[in-house]
Amino acid sequence: MLFRSGRVSCTIRPSGVGELIYVRDGARRPLPARSEDGGEISRDEEVIVTRFEKGIAYVRTWDAMTQPASIERKNVSGILQKETNNVQ
């Protein structure tokens, strides 16, 4: 169940519990969920389950899971551009 994707069906409020729906064996299944960072996640957001605790799935948005890689790429691009400008 870890790293399974799903969609928020009931908004996860800050520090609260919402609900996500995932598909297993062709059937849609509900699961109580909390945000991994304690923030709000809106209805219809795609999420990834990162852990379980006492029957509750802790999730992060798909964007949050992929964002650090794009930030790192932008930082590397900026550093390379500065180095190129210093050489000229």
C-alpha atoms as a PDB file:
ATOM      1  CA  MET A   1       0.000   0.000   0.000  1.00  0.00           C
ATOM      2  CA  LEU A   2       2.967   2.346   0.442  1.00  0.00           C
ATOM      3  CA  PHE A   3       3.592   4.643  -2.505  1.00  0.00           C
ATOM      4  CA  ARG A   4       0.176   3.803  -3.969  1.00  0.00           C
ATOM      5  CA  SER A   5      -1.440   6.747  -5.695  1.00  0.00           C
ATOM      6  CA  GLY A   6      -4.971   7.938  -5.059  1.00  0.00           C
ATOM      7  CA  ARG A   7      -7.181  10.998  -5.274  1.00  0.00           C
ATOM      8  CA  VAL A   8      -8.475  13.053  -2.364  1.00  0.00           C
ATOM      9  CA  SER A   9     -12.260  12.666  -2.173  1.00  0.00           C
ATOM     10  CA  CYS A  10     -12.793  14.729   0.992  1.00  0.00           C
ATOM     11  CA  THR A  11     -10.496  17.715   1.597  1.00  0.00           C
ATOM     12  CA  ILE A  12      -7.736  17.094   4.120  1.00  0.00           C
ATOM     13  CA  ARG A  13      -7.828  20.118   6.437  1.00  0.00           C
ATOM     14  CA  PRO A  14      -4.691  21.420   8.198  1.00  0.00           C
ATOM     15  CA  SER A  15      -3.793  18.893  10.911  1.00  0.00           C
ATOM     16  CA  GLY A  16      -7.057  17.094  10.117  1.00  0.00           C
ATOM     17  CA  VAL A  17      -8.242  13.895   8.502  1.00  0.00           C
ATOM     18  CA  GLY A  18      -9.780  13.622   5.053  1.00  0.00           C
ATOM     19  CA  GLU A  19     -10.349  10.757   2.688  1.00  0.00           C
ATOM     20  CA  LEU A  20      -8.642   9.405  -0.393  1.00  0.00           C
ATOM     21  CA  ILE A  21      -9.945   6.963  -2.973  1.00  0.00           C
ATOM     22  CA  TYR A  22      -7.653   4.421  -4.598  1.00  0.00           C
ATOM     23  CA  VAL A  23      -8.309   1.538  -6.974  1.00  0.00           C
ATOM     24  CA  ARG A  24      -7.523  -2.050  -5.980  1.00  0.00           C
ATOM     25  CA  ASP A  25      -8.570  -5.116  -7.949  1.00  0.00           C
ATOM     26  CA  GLY A  26     -10.720  -2.896 -10.153  1.00  0.00           C
ATOM     27  CA  ALA A  27     -12.743  -1.518  -7.225  1.00  0.00           C
ATOM     28  CA  ARG A  28     -12.615   2.016  -5.801  1.00  0.00           C
ATOM     29  CA  ARG A  29     -11.758   1.942  -2.091  1.00  0.00           C
ATOM     30  CA  PRO A  30     -11.850   4.741   0.504  1.00  0.00           C
ATOM     31  CA  LEU A  31      -9.106   5.327   3.047  1.00  0.00           C
ATOM     32  CA  PRO A  32      -8.803   7.918   5.845  1.00  0.00           C
ATOM     33  CA  ALA A  33      -5.850  10.219   5.169  1.00  0.00           C
ATOM     34  CA  ARG A  34      -3.763  12.987   6.678  1.00  0.00           C
ATOM     35  CA  SER A  35      -1.276  15.291   5.007  1.00  0.00           C
ATOM     36  CA  GLU A  36       2.341  14.293   5.683  1.00  0.00           C
ATOM     37  CA  ASP A  37       3.303  17.920   6.387  1.00  0.00           C
ATOM     38  CA  GLY A  38       0.099  18.838   8.257  1.00  0.00           C
ATOM     39  CA  GLY A  39      -1.093  21.189   5.518  1.00  0.00           C
ATOM     40  CA  GLU A  40      -4.352  21.244   3.592  1.00  0.00           C
ATOM     41  CA  ILE A  41      -4.828  19.109   0.499  1.00  0.00           C
ATOM     42  CA  SER A  42      -7.803  19.972  -1.691  1.00  0.00           C
ATOM     43  CA  ARG A  43     -10.373  17.601  -3.069  1.00  0.00           C
ATOM     44  CA  ASP A  44      -9.397  15.944  -6.381  1.00  0.00           C
ATOM     45  CA  GLU A  45      -5.641  16.346  -5.751  1.00  0.00           C
ATOM     46  CA  GLU A  46      -3.591  13.322  -6.756  1.00  0.00           C
ATOM     47  CA  VAL A  47      -1.623  12.006  -3.777  1.00  0.00           C
ATOM     48  CA  ILE A  48       0.917   9.328  -2.899  1.00  0.00           C
ATOM     49  CA  VAL A  49       0.750   7.295   0.340  1.00  0.00           C
ATOM     50  CA  THR A  50       4.054   7.690   2.206  1.00  0.00           C
ATOM     51  CA  ARG A  51       3.250   5.820   5.437  1.00  0.00           C
ATOM     52  CA  PHE A  52       0.516   4.340   7.633  1.00  0.00           C
ATOM     53  CA  GLU A  53      -0.100   5.003  11.291  1.00  0.00           C
ATOM     54  CA  LYS A  54      -3.035   3.630  13.308  1.00  0.00           C
ATOM     55  CA  GLY A  55      -5.058   2.893  10.171  1.00  0.00           C
ATOM     56  CA  ILE A  56      -4.562   6.334   8.636  1.00  0.00           C
ATOM     57  CA  ALA A  57      -2.638   6.901   5.407  1.00  0.00           C
ATOM     58  CA  TYR A  58      -0.203   9.827   5.431  1.00  0.00           C
ATOM     59  CA  VAL A  59       0.033  11.385   1.995  1.00  0.00           C
ATOM     60  CA  ARG A  60       1.883  13.953  -0.080  1.00  0.00           C
ATOM     61  CA  THR A  61       0.622  15.504  -3.290  1.00  0.00           C
ATOM     62  CA  TRP A  62       2.076  14.259  -6.525  1.00  0.00           C
ATOM     63  CA  ASP A  63       3.441  17.786  -7.121  1.00  0.00           C
ATOM     64  CA  ALA A  64       5.186  17.808  -3.735  1.00  0.00           C
ATOM     65  CA  MET A  65       6.762  14.429  -4.485  1.00  0.00           C
ATOM     66  CA  THR A  66       8.189  15.668  -7.781  1.00  0.00           C
ATOM     67  CA  GLN A  67       8.951  19.287  -6.839  1.00  0.00           C
ATOM     68  CA  PRO A  68      12.350  18.847  -5.101  1.00  0.00           C
ATOM     69  CA  ALA A  69      13.860  17.391  -8.268  1.00  0.00           C
ATOM     70  CA  SER A  70      12.735  20.362 -10.376  1.00  0.00           C
ATOM     71  CA  ILE A  71      13.983  22.873  -7.781  1.00  0.00           C
ATOM     72  CA  GLU A  72      17.340  21.128  -7.751  1.00  0.00           C
ATOM     73  CA  ARG A  73      17.497  21.253 -11.559  1.00  0.00           C
ATOM     74  CA  LYS A  74      16.730  24.997 -11.526  1.00  0.00           C
ATOM     75  CA  ASN A  75      19.457  25.604  -8.921  1.00  0.00           C
ATOM     76  CA  VAL A  76      21.994  23.650 -10.963  1.00  0.00           C
ATOM     77  CA  SER A  77      20.980  25.554 -14.112  1.00  0.00           C
ATOM     78  CA  GLY A  78      21.419  28.873 -12.290  1.00  0.00           C
ATOM     79  CA  ILE A  79      24.863  27.887 -10.993  1.00  0.00           C
ATOM     80  CA  LEU A  80      25.999  26.748 -14.442  1.00  0.00           C
ATOM     81  CA  GLN A  81      24.720  29.965 -16.006  1.00  0.00           C
ATOM     82  CA  LYS A  82      26.617  32.092 -13.425  1.00  0.00           C
ATOM     83  CA  GLU A  83      29.821  30.124 -14.034  1.00  0.00           C
ATOM     84  CA  THR A  84      29.424  30.554 -17.802  1.00  0.00           C
ATOM     85  CA  ASN A  85      28.934  34.305 -17.388  1.00  0.00           C
ATOM     86  CA  ASN A  86      32.065  34.551 -15.199  1.00  0.00           C
ATOM     87  CA  VAL A  87      34.177  32.768 -17.845  1.00  0.00           C
ATOM     88  CA  GLN A  88      33.188  35.154 -20.632  1.00  0.00           C
END
